[in-house]
Amino acid sequence: MARKKREKLSVAKEIDSMEERLETCRNGLEDVRYRLRREELTEDGRKSLEKEENSLTNKMSHYEKELKSLRHENRKNAMVSFALFFLIVLLYYCWTM
């Protein structure tokens, strides 16, 4: 499923989307940690926020791994593009001689 979705978008758009999701998680995690430190909470409230904190941390970890993979794929695509460009320039140069 993730692969089919990935095929529909360019890698750059996926990277942007993943960075936005990661930023949203970071902001949410910052808010949760602030509330854990500053607010007087009941035991249930504290457990709920700690559970949310763990969930956000896991999401961030997953998004960071996916982002690393996407950036690697983007570098590969750039190298292929450069190689094709170099080959075309070389062929053009050989043809014009």
PDB file of N, CA and C in Angstrom:
ATOM      1  N   MET A   1       0.820  -1.195   0.000  1.00  0.00           N
ATOM      2  CA  MET A   1       0.000   0.000   0.000  1.00  0.00           C
ATOM      3  C   MET A   1       0.861   1.255   0.000  1.00  0.00           C
ATOM      4  N   ALA A   2       1.885   1.303   0.862  1.00  0.00           N
ATOM      5  CA  ALA A   2       2.743   2.479   0.940  1.00  0.00           C
ATOM      6  C   ALA A   2       3.498   2.671  -0.371  1.00  0.00           C
ATOM      7  N   ARG A   3       3.857   1.561  -1.015  1.00  0.00           N
ATOM      8  CA  ARG A   3       4.591   1.652  -2.270  1.00  0.00           C
ATOM      9  C   ARG A   3       3.714   2.237  -3.370  1.00  0.00           C
ATOM     10  N   LYS A   4       2.441   1.832  -3.433  1.00  0.00           N
ATOM     11  CA  LYS A   4       1.531   2.373  -4.437  1.00  0.00           C
ATOM     12  C   LYS A   4       1.328   3.863  -4.227  1.00  0.00           C
ATOM     13  N   LYS A   5       1.192   4.271  -2.983  1.00  0.00           N
ATOM     14  CA  LYS A   5       1.012   5.684  -2.681  1.00  0.00           C
ATOM     15  C   LYS A   5       2.267   6.453  -3.081  1.00  0.00           C
ATOM     16  N   ARG A   6       3.426   5.860  -2.840  1.00  0.00           N
ATOM     17  CA  ARG A   6       4.689   6.502  -3.152  1.00  0.00           C
ATOM     18  C   ARG A   6       4.845   6.696  -4.653  1.00  0.00           C
ATOM     19  N   GLU A   7       4.339   5.750  -5.454  1.00  0.00           N
ATOM     20  CA  GLU A   7       4.482   5.851  -6.896  1.00  0.00           C
ATOM     21  C   GLU A   7       3.692   7.023  -7.463  1.00  0.00           C
ATOM     22  N   LYS A   8       2.628   7.432  -6.797  1.00  0.00           N
ATOM     23  CA  LYS A   8       1.787   8.507  -7.291  1.00  0.00           C
ATOM     24  C   LYS A   8       2.399   9.883  -7.057  1.00  0.00           C
ATOM     25  N   LEU A   9       3.241  10.013  -6.062  1.00  0.00           N
ATOM     26  CA  LEU A   9       3.846  11.302  -5.717  1.00  0.00           C
ATOM     27  C   LEU A   9       5.321  11.316  -6.100  1.00  0.00           C
ATOM     28  N   SER A  10       5.841  12.499  -6.359  1.00  0.00           N
ATOM     29  CA  SER A  10       7.277  12.589  -6.574  1.00  0.00           C
ATOM     30  C   SER A  10       7.973  12.448  -5.220  1.00  0.00           C
ATOM     31  N   VAL A  11       9.206  12.066  -5.272  1.00  0.00           N
ATOM     32  CA  VAL A  11       9.968  11.861  -4.037  1.00  0.00           C
ATOM     33  C   VAL A  11      10.080  13.178  -3.271  1.00  0.00           C
ATOM     34  N   ALA A  12      10.270  14.273  -3.973  1.00  0.00           N
ATOM     35  CA  ALA A  12      10.400  15.578  -3.312  1.00  0.00           C
ATOM     36  C   ALA A  12       9.115  15.946  -2.570  1.00  0.00           C
ATOM     37  N   LYS A  13       7.962  15.666  -3.181  1.00  0.00           N
ATOM     38  CA  LYS A  13       6.688  15.959  -2.510  1.00  0.00           C
ATOM     39  C   LYS A  13       6.504  15.055  -1.302  1.00  0.00           C
ATOM     40  N   GLU A  14       6.934  13.801  -1.429  1.00  0.00           N
ATOM     41  CA  GLU A  14       6.837  12.891  -0.285  1.00  0.00           C
ATOM     42  C   GLU A  14       7.725  13.360   0.859  1.00  0.00           C
ATOM     43  N   ILE A  15       8.914  13.839   0.520  1.00  0.00           N
ATOM     44  CA  ILE A  15       9.829  14.350   1.546  1.00  0.00           C
ATOM     45  C   ILE A  15       9.198  15.540   2.255  1.00  0.00           C
ATOM     46  N   ASP A  16       8.629  16.462   1.488  1.00  0.00           N
ATOM     47  CA  ASP A  16       7.957  17.624   2.086  1.00  0.00           C
ATOM     48  C   ASP A  16       6.812  17.196   2.994  1.00  0.00           C
ATOM     49  N   SER A  17       6.011  16.250   2.523  1.00  0.00           N
ATOM     50  CA  SER A  17       4.886  15.762   3.311  1.00  0.00           C
ATOM     51  C   SER A  17       5.364  15.101   4.602  1.00  0.00           C
ATOM     52  N   MET A  18       6.415  14.291   4.494  1.00  0.00           N
ATOM     53  CA  MET A  18       6.944  13.601   5.664  1.00  0.00           C
ATOM     54  C   MET A  18       7.533  14.604   6.655  1.00  0.00           C
ATOM     55  N   GLU A  19       8.208  15.635   6.157  1.00  0.00           N
ATOM     56  CA  GLU A  19       8.758  16.660   7.047  1.00  0.00           C
ATOM     57  C   GLU A  19       7.652  17.416   7.769  1.00  0.00           C
ATOM     58  N   GLU A  20       6.541  17.665   7.076  1.00  0.00           N
ATOM     59  CA  GLU A  20       5.407  18.333   7.724  1.00  0.00           C
ATOM     60  C   GLU A  20       4.822  17.455   8.829  1.00  0.00           C
ATOM     61  N   ARG A  21       4.658  16.156   8.540  1.00  0.00           N
ATOM     62  CA  ARG A  21       4.136  15.241   9.556  1.00  0.00           C
ATOM     63  C   ARG A  21       5.079  15.169  10.750  1.00  0.00           C
ATOM     64  N   LEU A  22       6.374  15.132  10.472  1.00  0.00           N
ATOM     65  CA  LEU A  22       7.368  15.075  11.542  1.00  0.00           C
ATOM     66  C   LEU A  22       7.319  16.337  12.391  1.00  0.00           C
ATOM     67  N   GLU A  23       7.166  17.484  11.746  1.00  0.00           N
ATOM     68  CA  GLU A  23       7.074  18.752  12.485  1.00  0.00           C
ATOM     69  C   GLU A  23       5.813  18.794  13.346  1.00  0.00           C
ATOM     70  N   THR A  24       4.711  18.280  12.814  1.00  0.00           N
ATOM     71  CA  THR A  24       3.467  18.213  13.586  1.00  0.00           C
ATOM     72  C   THR A  24       3.652  17.346  14.827  1.00  0.00           C
ATOM     73  N   CYS A  25       4.320  16.205  14.651  1.00  0.00           N
ATOM     74  CA  CYS A  25       4.583  15.327  15.798  1.00  0.00           C
ATOM     75  C   CYS A  25       5.484  16.010  16.822  1.00  0.00           C
ATOM     76  N   ARG A  26       6.504  16.711  16.344  1.00  0.00           N
ATOM     77  CA  ARG A  26       7.415  17.411  17.262  1.00  0.00           C
ATOM     78  C   ARG A  26       6.658  18.450  18.078  1.00  0.00           C
ATOM     79  N   ASN A  27       5.793  19.203  17.403  1.00  0.00           N
ATOM     80  CA  ASN A  27       5.012  20.216  18.120  1.00  0.00           C
ATOM     81  C   ASN A  27       4.082  19.569  19.132  1.00  0.00           C
ATOM     82  N   GLY A  28       3.425  18.500  18.731  1.00  0.00           N
ATOM     83  CA  GLY A  28       2.536  17.788  19.647  1.00  0.00           C
ATOM     84  C   GLY A  28       3.288  17.231  20.837  1.00  0.00           C
ATOM     85  N   LEU A  29       4.466  16.671  20.586  1.00  0.00           N
ATOM     86  CA  LEU A  29       5.284  16.113  21.659  1.00  0.00           C
ATOM     87  C   LEU A  29       5.748  17.210  22.612  1.00  0.00           C
ATOM     88  N   GLU A  30       6.104  18.352  22.046  1.00  0.00           N
ATOM     89  CA  GLU A  30       6.514  19.481  22.880  1.00  0.00           C
ATOM     90  C   GLU A  30       5.360  19.927  23.781  1.00  0.00           C
ATOM     91  N   ASP A  31       4.159  19.985  23.216  1.00  0.00           N
ATOM     92  CA  ASP A  31       2.980  20.370  24.011  1.00  0.00           C
ATOM     93  C   ASP A  31       2.702  19.364  25.123  1.00  0.00           C
ATOM     94  N   VAL A  32       2.780  18.082  24.790  1.00  0.00           N
ATOM     95  CA  VAL A  32       2.516  17.036  25.787  1.00  0.00           C
ATOM     96  C   VAL A  32       3.547  17.105  26.907  1.00  0.00           C
ATOM     97  N   ARG A  33       4.813  17.257  26.555  1.00  0.00           N
ATOM     98  CA  ARG A  33       5.865  17.331  27.585  1.00  0.00           C
ATOM     99  C   ARG A  33       5.700  18.573  28.454  1.00  0.00           C
ATOM    100  N   TYR A  34       5.300  19.685  27.840  1.00  0.00           N
ATOM    101  CA  TYR A  34       5.065  20.901  28.610  1.00  0.00           C
ATOM    102  C   TYR A  34       3.938  20.672  29.621  1.00  0.00           C
ATOM    103  N   ARG A  35       2.860  20.049  29.145  1.00  0.00           N
ATOM    104  CA  ARG A  35       1.720  19.787  30.043  1.00  0.00           C
ATOM    105  C   ARG A  35       2.107  18.822  31.153  1.00  0.00           C
ATOM    106  N   LEU A  36       2.938  17.849  30.861  1.00  0.00           N
ATOM    107  CA  LEU A  36       3.380  16.908  31.891  1.00  0.00           C
ATOM    108  C   LEU A  36       4.209  17.606  32.971  1.00  0.00           C
ATOM    109  N   ARG A  37       5.015  18.574  32.548  1.00  0.00           N
ATOM    110  CA  ARG A  37       5.866  19.276  33.514  1.00  0.00           C
ATOM    111  C   ARG A  37       5.103  20.324  34.320  1.00  0.00           C
ATOM    112  N   ARG A  38       4.205  21.040  33.670  1.00  0.00           N
ATOM    113  CA  ARG A  38       3.629  22.237  34.276  1.00  0.00           C
ATOM    114  C   ARG A  38       2.270  22.045  34.940  1.00  0.00           C
ATOM    115  N   GLU A  39       1.478  21.141  34.453  1.00  0.00           N
ATOM    116  CA  GLU A  39       0.110  21.040  34.954  1.00  0.00           C
ATOM    117  C   GLU A  39      -0.008  20.052  36.102  1.00  0.00           C
ATOM    118  N   GLU A  40      -0.927  20.360  36.964  1.00  0.00           N
ATOM    119  CA  GLU A  40      -1.295  19.428  38.034  1.00  0.00           C
ATOM    120  C   GLU A  40      -2.273  18.436  37.421  1.00  0.00           C
ATOM    121  N   LEU A  41      -1.890  17.174  37.364  1.00  0.00           N
ATOM    122  CA  LEU A  41      -2.713  16.175  36.676  1.00  0.00           C
ATOM    123  C   LEU A  41      -3.138  15.063  37.623  1.00  0.00           C
ATOM    124  N   THR A  42      -4.265  14.479  37.311  1.00  0.00           N
ATOM    125  CA  THR A  42      -4.675  13.280  38.035  1.00  0.00           C
ATOM    126  C   THR A  42      -3.828  12.115  37.513  1.00  0.00           C
ATOM    127  N   GLU A  43      -3.873  11.013  38.208  1.00  0.00           N
ATOM    128  CA  GLU A  43      -3.105   9.839  37.793  1.00  0.00           C
ATOM    129  C   GLU A  43      -3.515   9.377  36.399  1.00  0.00           C
ATOM    130  N   ASP A  44      -4.840   9.369  36.157  1.00  0.00           N
ATOM    131  CA  ASP A  44      -5.340   8.964  34.835  1.00  0.00           C
ATOM    132  C   ASP A  44      -4.907   9.952  33.752  1.00  0.00           C
ATOM    133  N   GLY A  45      -4.962  11.230  34.068  1.00  0.00           N
ATOM    134  CA  GLY A  45      -4.537  12.257  33.116  1.00  0.00           C
ATOM    135  C   GLY A  45      -3.069  12.127  32.780  1.00  0.00           C
ATOM    136  N   ARG A  46      -2.250  11.870  33.812  1.00  0.00           N
ATOM    137  CA  ARG A  46      -0.812  11.706  33.593  1.00  0.00           C
ATOM    138  C   ARG A  46      -0.535  10.476  32.722  1.00  0.00           C
ATOM    139  N   LYS A  47      -1.221   9.367  33.026  1.00  0.00           N
ATOM    140  CA  LYS A  47      -1.022   8.145  32.236  1.00  0.00           C
ATOM    141  C   LYS A  47      -1.433   8.366  30.781  1.00  0.00           C
ATOM    142  N   SER A  48      -2.524   9.086  30.597  1.00  0.00           N
ATOM    143  CA  SER A  48      -2.998   9.372  29.251  1.00  0.00           C
ATOM    144  C   SER A  48      -1.973  10.193  28.471  1.00  0.00           C
ATOM    145  N   LEU A  49      -1.421  11.222  29.125  1.00  0.00           N
ATOM    146  CA  LEU A  49      -0.415  12.046  28.453  1.00  0.00           C
ATOM    147  C   LEU A  49       0.865  11.264  28.194  1.00  0.00           C
ATOM    148  N   GLU A  50       1.255  10.394  29.121  1.00  0.00           N
ATOM    149  CA  GLU A  50       2.452   9.575  28.909  1.00  0.00           C
ATOM    150  C   GLU A  50       2.243   8.605  27.748  1.00  0.00           C
ATOM    151  N   LYS A  51       1.031   8.081  27.643  1.00  0.00           N
ATOM    152  CA  LYS A  51       0.705   7.191  26.534  1.00  0.00           C
ATOM    153  C   LYS A  51       0.768   7.958  25.214  1.00  0.00           C
ATOM    154  N   GLU A  52       0.234   9.162  25.211  1.00  0.00           N
ATOM    155  CA  GLU A  52       0.286  10.009  24.016  1.00  0.00           C
ATOM    156  C   GLU A  52       1.732  10.363  23.668  1.00  0.00           C
ATOM    157  N   GLU A  53       2.545  10.623  24.695  1.00  0.00           N
ATOM    158  CA  GLU A  53       3.955  10.927  24.481  1.00  0.00           C
ATOM    159  C   GLU A  53       4.662   9.746  23.813  1.00  0.00           C
ATOM    160  N   ASN A  54       4.403   8.528  24.300  1.00  0.00           N
ATOM    161  CA  ASN A  54       5.009   7.345  23.693  1.00  0.00           C
ATOM    162  C   ASN A  54       4.551   7.159  22.256  1.00  0.00           C
ATOM    163  N   SER A  55       3.275   7.388  22.015  1.00  0.00           N
ATOM    164  CA  SER A  55       2.735   7.257  20.670  1.00  0.00           C
ATOM    165  C   SER A  55       3.400   8.247  19.712  1.00  0.00           C
ATOM    166  N   LEU A  56       3.512   9.492  20.134  1.00  0.00           N
ATOM    167  CA  LEU A  56       4.153  10.507  19.297  1.00  0.00           C
ATOM    168  C   LEU A  56       5.630  10.203  19.067  1.00  0.00           C
ATOM    169  N   THR A  57       6.300   9.705  20.084  1.00  0.00           N
ATOM    170  CA  THR A  57       7.706   9.348  19.948  1.00  0.00           C
ATOM    171  C   THR A  57       7.869   8.216  18.938  1.00  0.00           C
ATOM    172  N   ASN A  58       6.991   7.224  19.000  1.00  0.00           N
ATOM    173  CA  ASN A  58       7.056   6.128  18.039  1.00  0.00           C
ATOM    174  C   ASN A  58       6.769   6.603  16.620  1.00  0.00           C
ATOM    175  N   LYS A  59       5.773   7.481  16.469  1.00  0.00           N
ATOM    176  CA  LYS A  59       5.472   8.036  15.149  1.00  0.00           C
ATOM    177  C   LYS A  59       6.663   8.805  14.603  1.00  0.00           C
ATOM    178  N   MET A  60       7.284   9.613  15.460  1.00  0.00           N
ATOM    179  CA  MET A  60       8.439  10.389  15.023  1.00  0.00           C
ATOM    180  C   MET A  60       9.566   9.477  14.569  1.00  0.00           C
ATOM    181  N   SER A  61       9.799   8.419  15.308  1.00  0.00           N
ATOM    182  CA  SER A  61      10.843   7.474  14.944  1.00  0.00           C
ATOM    183  C   SER A  61      10.550   6.860  13.576  1.00  0.00           C
ATOM    184  N   HIS A  62       9.300   6.461  13.367  1.00  0.00           N
ATOM    185  CA  HIS A  62       8.901   5.885  12.083  1.00  0.00           C
ATOM    186  C   HIS A  62       9.069   6.908  10.956  1.00  0.00           C
ATOM    187  N   TYR A  63       8.620   8.138  11.174  1.00  0.00           N
ATOM    188  CA  TYR A  63       8.732   9.182  10.160  1.00  0.00           C
ATOM    189  C   TYR A  63      10.189   9.501   9.846  1.00  0.00           C
ATOM    190  N   GLU A  64      11.044   9.518  10.862  1.00  0.00           N
ATOM    191  CA  GLU A  64      12.465   9.797  10.628  1.00  0.00           C
ATOM    192  C   GLU A  64      13.112   8.703   9.781  1.00  0.00           C
ATOM    193  N   LYS A  65      12.755   7.449  10.045  1.00  0.00           N
ATOM    194  CA  LYS A  65      13.288   6.342   9.234  1.00  0.00           C
ATOM    195  C   LYS A  65      12.795   6.450   7.800  1.00  0.00           C
ATOM    196  N   GLU A  66      11.519   6.757   7.634  1.00  0.00           N
ATOM    197  CA  GLU A  66      10.949   6.895   6.292  1.00  0.00           C
ATOM    198  C   GLU A  66      11.586   8.071   5.564  1.00  0.00           C
ATOM    199  N   LEU A  67      11.813   9.166   6.270  1.00  0.00           N
ATOM    200  CA  LEU A  67      12.439  10.346   5.685  1.00  0.00           C
ATOM    201  C   LEU A  67      13.863  10.028   5.236  1.00  0.00           C
ATOM    202  N   LYS A  68      14.584   9.280   6.041  1.00  0.00           N
ATOM    203  CA  LYS A  68      15.944   8.875   5.674  1.00  0.00           C
ATOM    204  C   LYS A  68      15.914   8.039   4.392  1.00  0.00           C
ATOM    205  N   SER A  69      14.954   7.128   4.302  1.00  0.00           N
ATOM    206  CA  SER A  69      14.804   6.286   3.119  1.00  0.00           C
ATOM    207  C   SER A  69      14.466   7.133   1.892  1.00  0.00           C
ATOM    208  N   LEU A  70      13.568   8.089   2.059  1.00  0.00           N
ATOM    209  CA  LEU A  70      13.183   8.948   0.940  1.00  0.00           C
ATOM    210  C   LEU A  70      14.347   9.808   0.465  1.00  0.00           C
ATOM    211  N   ARG A  71      15.132  10.310   1.392  1.00  0.00           N
ATOM    212  CA  ARG A  71      16.287  11.128   0.999  1.00  0.00           C
ATOM    213  C   ARG A  71      17.320  10.287   0.257  1.00  0.00           C
ATOM    214  N   HIS A  72      17.484   9.046   0.689  1.00  0.00           N
ATOM    215  CA  HIS A  72      18.400   8.138  -0.013  1.00  0.00           C
ATOM    216  C   HIS A  72      17.902   7.912  -1.447  1.00  0.00           C
ATOM    217  N   GLU A  73      16.599   7.669  -1.581  1.00  0.00           N
ATOM    218  CA  GLU A  73      16.007   7.469  -2.899  1.00  0.00           C
ATOM    219  C   GLU A  73      16.160   8.720  -3.755  1.00  0.00           C
ATOM    220  N   ASN A  74      16.012   9.880  -3.152  1.00  0.00           N
ATOM    221  CA  ASN A  74      16.167  11.143  -3.871  1.00  0.00           C
ATOM    222  C   ASN A  74      17.601  11.312  -4.374  1.00  0.00           C
ATOM    223  N   ARG A  75      18.576  10.944  -3.538  1.00  0.00           N
ATOM    224  CA  ARG A  75      19.976  11.016  -3.969  1.00  0.00           C
ATOM    225  C   ARG A  75      20.236  10.077  -5.139  1.00  0.00           C
ATOM    226  N   LYS A  76      19.671   8.864  -5.073  1.00  0.00           N
ATOM    227  CA  LYS A  76      19.832   7.913  -6.179  1.00  0.00           C
ATOM    228  C   LYS A  76      19.244   8.488  -7.464  1.00  0.00           C
ATOM    229  N   ASN A  77      18.064   9.070  -7.376  1.00  0.00           N
ATOM    230  CA  ASN A  77      17.436   9.663  -8.549  1.00  0.00           C
ATOM    231  C   ASN A  77      18.276  10.801  -9.120  1.00  0.00           C
ATOM    232  N   ALA A  78      18.865  11.605  -8.259  1.00  0.00           N
ATOM    233  CA  ALA A  78      19.713  12.703  -8.710  1.00  0.00           C
ATOM    234  C   ALA A  78      20.954  12.163  -9.420  1.00  0.00           C
ATOM    235  N   MET A  79      21.525  11.090  -8.895  1.00  0.00           N
ATOM    236  CA  MET A  79      22.711  10.501  -9.529  1.00  0.00           C
ATOM    237  C   MET A  79      22.363   9.931 -10.913  1.00  0.00           C
ATOM    238  N   VAL A  80      21.227   9.289 -11.023  1.00  0.00           N
ATOM    239  CA  VAL A  80      20.795   8.756 -12.321  1.00  0.00           C
ATOM    240  C   VAL A  80      20.559   9.900 -13.303  1.00  0.00           C
ATOM    241  N   SER A  81      19.940  10.962 -12.850  1.00  0.00           N
ATOM    242  CA  SER A  81      19.696  12.124 -13.711  1.00  0.00           C
ATOM    243  C   SER A  81      21.014  12.726 -14.185  1.00  0.00           C
ATOM    244  N   PHE A  82      21.957  12.865 -13.275  1.00  0.00           N
ATOM    245  CA  PHE A  82      23.259  13.413 -13.637  1.00  0.00           C
ATOM    246  C   PHE A  82      23.969  12.501 -14.638  1.00  0.00           C
ATOM    247  N   ALA A  83      23.910  11.200 -14.422  1.00  0.00           N
ATOM    248  CA  ALA A  83      24.553  10.256 -15.333  1.00  0.00           C
ATOM    249  C   ALA A  83      23.933  10.343 -16.726  1.00  0.00           C
ATOM    250  N   LEU A  84      22.613  10.433 -16.800  1.00  0.00           N
ATOM    251  CA  LEU A  84      21.948  10.565 -18.099  1.00  0.00           C
ATOM    252  C   LEU A  84      22.325  11.877 -18.788  1.00  0.00           C
ATOM    253  N   PHE A  85      22.352  12.945 -18.028  1.00  0.00           N
ATOM    254  CA  PHE A  85      22.753  14.234 -18.584  1.00  0.00           C
ATOM    255  C   PHE A  85      24.184  14.164 -19.124  1.00  0.00           C
ATOM    256  N   PHE A  86      25.079  13.575 -18.351  1.00  0.00           N
ATOM    257  CA  PHE A  86      26.471  13.450 -18.775  1.00  0.00           C
ATOM    258  C   PHE A  86      26.569  12.608 -20.045  1.00  0.00           C
ATOM    259  N   LEU A  87      25.804  11.529 -20.127  1.00  0.00           N
ATOM    260  CA  LEU A  87      25.809  10.669 -21.308  1.00  0.00           C
ATOM    261  C   LEU A  87      25.303  11.424 -22.530  1.00  0.00           C
ATOM    262  N   ILE A  88      24.247  12.200 -22.380  1.00  0.00           N
ATOM    263  CA  ILE A  88      23.716  12.986 -23.494  1.00  0.00           C
ATOM    264  C   ILE A  88      24.735  14.018 -23.953  1.00  0.00           C
ATOM    265  N   VAL A  89      25.390  14.697 -23.020  1.00  0.00           N
ATOM    266  CA  VAL A  89      26.412  15.684 -23.378  1.00  0.00           C
ATOM    267  C   VAL A  89      27.573  14.994 -24.093  1.00  0.00           C
ATOM    268  N   LEU A  90      27.978  13.844 -23.609  1.00  0.00           N
ATOM    269  CA  LEU A  90      29.069  13.102 -24.241  1.00  0.00           C
ATOM    270  C   LEU A  90      28.696  12.676 -25.657  1.00  0.00           C
ATOM    271  N   LEU A  91      27.487  12.163 -25.833  1.00  0.00           N
ATOM    272  CA  LEU A  91      27.035  11.766 -27.173  1.00  0.00           C
ATOM    273  C   LEU A  91      26.958  12.974 -28.110  1.00  0.00           C
ATOM    274  N   TYR A  92      26.470  14.072 -27.608  1.00  0.00           N
ATOM    275  CA  TYR A  92      26.395  15.285 -28.416  1.00  0.00           C
ATOM    276  C   TYR A  92      27.788  15.747 -28.820  1.00  0.00           C
ATOM    277  N   TYR A  93      28.701  15.724 -27.899  1.00  0.00           N
ATOM    278  CA  TYR A  93      30.076  16.130 -28.164  1.00  0.00           C
ATOM    279  C   TYR A  93      30.715  15.215 -29.212  1.00  0.00           C
ATOM    280  N   CYS A  94      30.513  13.912 -29.090  1.00  0.00           N
ATOM    281  CA  CYS A  94      31.076  12.964 -30.058  1.00  0.00           C
ATOM    282  C   CYS A  94      30.440  13.129 -31.441  1.00  0.00           C
ATOM    283  N   TRP A  95      29.164  13.440 -31.480  1.00  0.00           N
ATOM    284  CA  TRP A  95      28.463  13.574 -32.739  1.00  0.00           C
ATOM    285  C   TRP A  95      28.885  14.832 -33.483  1.00  0.00           C
ATOM    286  N   THR A  96      29.156  15.909 -32.743  1.00  0.00           N
ATOM    287  CA  THR A  96      29.509  17.170 -33.384  1.00  0.00           C
ATOM    288  C   THR A  96      30.958  17.195 -33.833  1.00  0.00           C
ATOM    289  N   MET A  97      31.747  16.254 -33.466  1.00  0.00           N
ATOM    290  CA  MET A  97      33.153  16.236 -33.899  1.00  0.00           C
ATOM    291  C   MET A  97      33.296  15.644 -35.219  1.00  0.00           C
TER     292      MET A  97
END
